[in-house]
N, C-alpha and C. Protein backbone atom coordinates (compact mmCIF):
# COMPACT_ATOMS: atom_id res chain seq x y z
N UNK A 1 -70.31 106.22 49.18
CA UNK A 1 -69.98 107.15 50.22
C UNK A 1 -70.05 106.38 51.54
N UNK A 2 -68.91 106.28 52.22
CA UNK A 2 -68.82 105.52 53.46
C UNK A 2 -69.47 106.27 54.61
N UNK A 3 -69.88 105.53 55.66
CA UNK A 3 -70.47 106.18 56.83
C UNK A 3 -69.45 107.03 57.57
N UNK A 4 -69.94 107.97 58.34
CA UNK A 4 -69.09 108.81 59.19
C UNK A 4 -68.95 108.10 60.53
N UNK A 5 -67.81 107.44 60.73
CA UNK A 5 -67.59 106.66 61.95
C UNK A 5 -67.25 107.53 63.15
N UNK A 6 -67.03 108.83 62.94
CA UNK A 6 -66.76 109.72 64.07
C UNK A 6 -68.04 110.06 64.84
N UNK A 7 -69.18 109.82 64.22
CA UNK A 7 -70.47 110.08 64.87
C UNK A 7 -71.08 108.77 65.32
N UNK A 8 -71.89 108.85 66.39
CA UNK A 8 -72.57 107.65 66.85
C UNK A 8 -73.68 107.29 65.88
N UNK A 9 -74.10 106.01 65.90
CA UNK A 9 -75.06 105.50 64.95
C UNK A 9 -76.44 106.11 65.06
N UNK A 10 -77.38 105.76 64.22
CA UNK A 10 -77.20 104.76 63.17
C UNK A 10 -76.36 105.32 62.01
N UNK A 11 -75.56 104.45 61.46
CA UNK A 11 -74.68 104.85 60.35
C UNK A 11 -75.33 104.47 59.02
N UNK A 12 -74.99 105.23 57.99
CA UNK A 12 -75.57 105.01 56.67
C UNK A 12 -74.49 104.97 55.61
N UNK A 13 -74.55 103.98 54.73
CA UNK A 13 -73.69 103.90 53.56
C UNK A 13 -74.56 104.22 52.35
N UNK A 14 -74.09 105.11 51.48
CA UNK A 14 -74.86 105.48 50.29
C UNK A 14 -74.07 105.11 49.05
N UNK A 15 -74.72 104.43 48.14
CA UNK A 15 -74.13 104.02 46.87
C UNK A 15 -74.74 104.89 45.77
N UNK A 16 -73.90 105.63 45.06
CA UNK A 16 -74.35 106.46 43.94
C UNK A 16 -73.94 105.78 42.64
N UNK A 17 -74.87 105.66 41.71
CA UNK A 17 -74.61 105.03 40.42
C UNK A 17 -74.93 106.06 39.35
N UNK A 18 -73.90 106.42 38.59
CA UNK A 18 -74.08 107.42 37.54
C UNK A 18 -74.82 106.87 36.34
N UNK A 19 -75.32 107.79 35.51
CA UNK A 19 -76.00 107.35 34.29
C UNK A 19 -74.98 107.26 33.16
N UNK A 20 -75.37 106.62 32.08
CA UNK A 20 -74.44 106.40 30.96
C UNK A 20 -74.06 107.69 30.26
N UNK A 21 -74.91 108.72 30.34
CA UNK A 21 -74.63 109.99 29.68
C UNK A 21 -73.72 110.89 30.52
N UNK A 22 -73.43 110.45 31.75
CA UNK A 22 -72.63 111.29 32.64
C UNK A 22 -73.52 112.21 33.45
N UNK A 23 -72.93 113.12 34.17
CA UNK A 23 -73.71 114.06 34.96
C UNK A 23 -74.09 113.49 36.31
N UNK A 24 -75.25 113.88 36.79
CA UNK A 24 -75.71 113.50 38.13
C UNK A 24 -75.98 112.00 38.23
N UNK A 25 -76.00 111.51 39.45
CA UNK A 25 -76.27 110.10 39.69
C UNK A 25 -77.67 109.72 39.24
N UNK A 26 -77.77 108.59 38.57
CA UNK A 26 -79.06 108.11 38.09
C UNK A 26 -79.80 107.34 39.18
N UNK A 27 -79.03 106.62 40.01
CA UNK A 27 -79.62 105.83 41.09
C UNK A 27 -78.86 106.08 42.39
N UNK A 28 -79.57 105.91 43.47
CA UNK A 28 -78.95 106.05 44.78
C UNK A 28 -79.53 104.96 45.67
N UNK A 29 -78.66 104.18 46.32
CA UNK A 29 -79.10 103.14 47.25
C UNK A 29 -78.50 103.47 48.61
N UNK A 30 -79.33 103.51 49.63
CA UNK A 30 -78.89 103.87 50.97
C UNK A 30 -79.14 102.70 51.91
N UNK A 31 -78.09 102.33 52.67
CA UNK A 31 -78.14 101.22 53.61
C UNK A 31 -77.87 101.77 55.00
N UNK A 32 -78.83 101.61 55.91
CA UNK A 32 -78.72 102.13 57.26
C UNK A 32 -78.42 101.00 58.23
N UNK A 33 -77.55 101.30 59.20
CA UNK A 33 -77.14 100.35 60.24
C UNK A 33 -76.31 99.20 59.70
N UNK A 34 -75.62 99.41 58.59
CA UNK A 34 -74.72 98.38 58.10
C UNK A 34 -73.43 98.42 58.90
N UNK A 35 -72.70 97.32 58.90
CA UNK A 35 -71.42 97.26 59.58
C UNK A 35 -70.35 97.81 58.65
N UNK A 36 -69.10 97.56 58.94
CA UNK A 36 -68.01 98.19 58.20
C UNK A 36 -67.73 97.56 56.85
N UNK A 37 -68.35 96.46 56.49
CA UNK A 37 -68.01 95.78 55.25
C UNK A 37 -69.13 95.93 54.24
N UNK A 38 -68.84 96.62 53.16
CA UNK A 38 -69.79 96.88 52.08
C UNK A 38 -69.02 96.75 50.78
N UNK A 39 -69.57 96.05 49.80
CA UNK A 39 -68.89 95.90 48.51
C UNK A 39 -69.91 95.96 47.39
N UNK A 40 -69.51 96.56 46.28
CA UNK A 40 -70.34 96.61 45.08
C UNK A 40 -69.42 96.33 43.89
N UNK A 41 -69.79 95.31 43.10
CA UNK A 41 -68.99 94.91 41.94
C UNK A 41 -69.89 94.69 40.74
N UNK A 42 -69.44 95.15 39.59
CA UNK A 42 -70.21 94.99 38.36
C UNK A 42 -70.15 93.53 37.90
N UNK A 43 -71.31 92.98 37.55
CA UNK A 43 -71.41 91.65 36.95
C UNK A 43 -71.27 91.80 35.44
N UNK A 44 -71.99 92.76 34.88
CA UNK A 44 -71.88 93.11 33.46
C UNK A 44 -72.25 94.59 33.32
N UNK A 45 -72.64 95.03 32.13
CA UNK A 45 -72.91 96.45 31.89
C UNK A 45 -74.10 97.01 32.66
N UNK A 46 -75.03 96.15 33.06
CA UNK A 46 -76.21 96.67 33.73
C UNK A 46 -76.53 96.02 35.07
N UNK A 47 -75.80 94.99 35.46
CA UNK A 47 -76.07 94.31 36.72
C UNK A 47 -74.95 94.58 37.72
N UNK A 48 -75.35 94.94 38.94
CA UNK A 48 -74.41 95.26 39.99
C UNK A 48 -74.65 94.34 41.18
N UNK A 49 -73.60 93.62 41.61
CA UNK A 49 -73.69 92.76 42.79
C UNK A 49 -73.29 93.59 44.01
N UNK A 50 -74.15 93.58 45.04
CA UNK A 50 -73.91 94.35 46.26
C UNK A 50 -73.96 93.39 47.43
N UNK A 51 -72.96 93.48 48.31
CA UNK A 51 -72.97 92.70 49.54
C UNK A 51 -72.83 93.66 50.72
N UNK A 52 -73.77 93.56 51.65
CA UNK A 52 -73.82 94.44 52.82
C UNK A 52 -73.78 93.57 54.06
N UNK A 53 -72.84 93.85 54.96
CA UNK A 53 -72.75 93.13 56.22
C UNK A 53 -73.42 93.96 57.29
N UNK A 54 -74.39 93.35 57.99
CA UNK A 54 -75.14 94.03 59.05
C UNK A 54 -74.50 93.80 60.41
N UNK A 55 -73.61 92.88 60.50
CA UNK A 55 -72.91 92.53 61.73
C UNK A 55 -71.86 91.50 61.40
N UNK A 56 -71.38 90.79 62.41
CA UNK A 56 -70.34 89.80 62.17
C UNK A 56 -70.86 88.53 61.50
N UNK A 57 -72.15 88.23 61.66
CA UNK A 57 -72.66 86.96 61.13
C UNK A 57 -73.89 87.11 60.24
N UNK A 58 -74.30 88.33 59.93
CA UNK A 58 -75.47 88.54 59.06
C UNK A 58 -75.11 89.47 57.91
N UNK A 59 -75.62 89.14 56.73
CA UNK A 59 -75.34 89.96 55.55
C UNK A 59 -76.50 89.84 54.57
N UNK A 60 -76.47 90.71 53.58
CA UNK A 60 -77.42 90.66 52.46
C UNK A 60 -76.63 90.65 51.16
N UNK A 61 -77.05 89.78 50.25
CA UNK A 61 -76.52 89.76 48.89
C UNK A 61 -77.62 90.27 47.98
N UNK A 62 -77.28 91.24 47.14
CA UNK A 62 -78.26 91.87 46.27
C UNK A 62 -77.72 91.94 44.84
N UNK A 63 -78.60 91.84 43.87
CA UNK A 63 -78.25 92.10 42.48
C UNK A 63 -79.20 93.18 41.99
N UNK A 64 -78.62 94.28 41.55
CA UNK A 64 -79.39 95.45 41.10
C UNK A 64 -79.31 95.58 39.59
N UNK A 65 -80.47 95.67 38.94
CA UNK A 65 -80.54 95.99 37.52
C UNK A 65 -80.56 97.51 37.43
N UNK A 66 -79.44 98.11 37.02
CA UNK A 66 -79.34 99.56 37.06
C UNK A 66 -80.18 100.23 35.97
N UNK A 67 -80.44 99.54 34.86
CA UNK A 67 -81.29 100.11 33.81
C UNK A 67 -82.74 100.25 34.28
N UNK A 68 -83.24 99.24 35.00
CA UNK A 68 -84.62 99.26 35.49
C UNK A 68 -84.74 99.87 36.87
N UNK A 69 -83.62 99.96 37.61
CA UNK A 69 -83.64 100.51 38.96
C UNK A 69 -84.34 99.59 39.96
N UNK A 70 -84.24 98.28 39.72
CA UNK A 70 -84.89 97.31 40.61
C UNK A 70 -83.89 96.23 41.02
N UNK A 71 -84.16 95.65 42.20
CA UNK A 71 -83.35 94.54 42.67
C UNK A 71 -83.90 93.25 42.09
N UNK A 72 -83.05 92.48 41.43
CA UNK A 72 -83.45 91.19 40.87
C UNK A 72 -83.28 90.07 41.88
N UNK A 73 -82.39 90.28 42.84
CA UNK A 73 -82.07 89.26 43.82
C UNK A 73 -81.82 89.94 45.15
N UNK A 74 -82.39 89.40 46.22
CA UNK A 74 -82.20 89.93 47.56
C UNK A 74 -82.24 88.77 48.54
N UNK A 75 -81.09 88.38 49.04
CA UNK A 75 -81.01 87.23 49.94
C UNK A 75 -80.32 87.63 51.23
N UNK A 76 -80.99 87.39 52.36
CA UNK A 76 -80.43 87.65 53.68
C UNK A 76 -79.76 86.38 54.18
N UNK A 77 -78.55 86.51 54.71
CA UNK A 77 -77.81 85.36 55.22
C UNK A 77 -77.52 85.55 56.70
N UNK A 78 -77.78 84.50 57.47
CA UNK A 78 -77.44 84.50 58.89
C UNK A 78 -76.54 83.30 59.13
N UNK A 79 -75.27 83.57 59.40
CA UNK A 79 -74.28 82.51 59.58
C UNK A 79 -74.16 82.06 61.03
N UNK A 80 -75.09 82.48 61.88
CA UNK A 80 -75.06 82.14 63.29
C UNK A 80 -75.12 80.65 63.56
N UNK A 81 -75.81 79.91 62.71
CA UNK A 81 -75.91 78.47 62.91
C UNK A 81 -74.61 77.75 62.60
N UNK A 82 -73.71 78.40 61.88
CA UNK A 82 -72.42 77.79 61.53
C UNK A 82 -71.36 78.04 62.60
N UNK A 83 -71.66 78.93 63.53
CA UNK A 83 -70.68 79.34 64.54
C UNK A 83 -71.01 78.64 65.85
N UNK A 84 -69.98 78.05 66.46
CA UNK A 84 -70.17 77.42 67.76
C UNK A 84 -70.05 78.45 68.86
N UNK A 85 -70.83 78.30 69.94
CA UNK A 85 -70.74 79.25 71.03
C UNK A 85 -69.39 79.13 71.76
N UNK A 86 -68.98 80.22 72.40
CA UNK A 86 -67.75 80.23 73.19
C UNK A 86 -67.93 79.34 74.41
N UNK A 87 -66.89 78.68 74.80
CA UNK A 87 -66.97 77.80 75.99
C UNK A 87 -66.02 78.28 77.04
């Protein structure tokens, strides 16, 4: 569920993950103050790769084990050191 950009921040993106039996969502992950770029892709039947951009140069890469409901990997990236300042 994408944020409502018509309202002023903080904005929230919510990821709903259904259970294997169907019906209501089994897991819900909520990201507050994320920027416009959010992606979630399945690695296999139980692992979900999530990338959340917090701004133009900072992001988080996450791997979620949906069976256990826990994050196996959580890495924050700051690409500011790779960018040269404006002159």
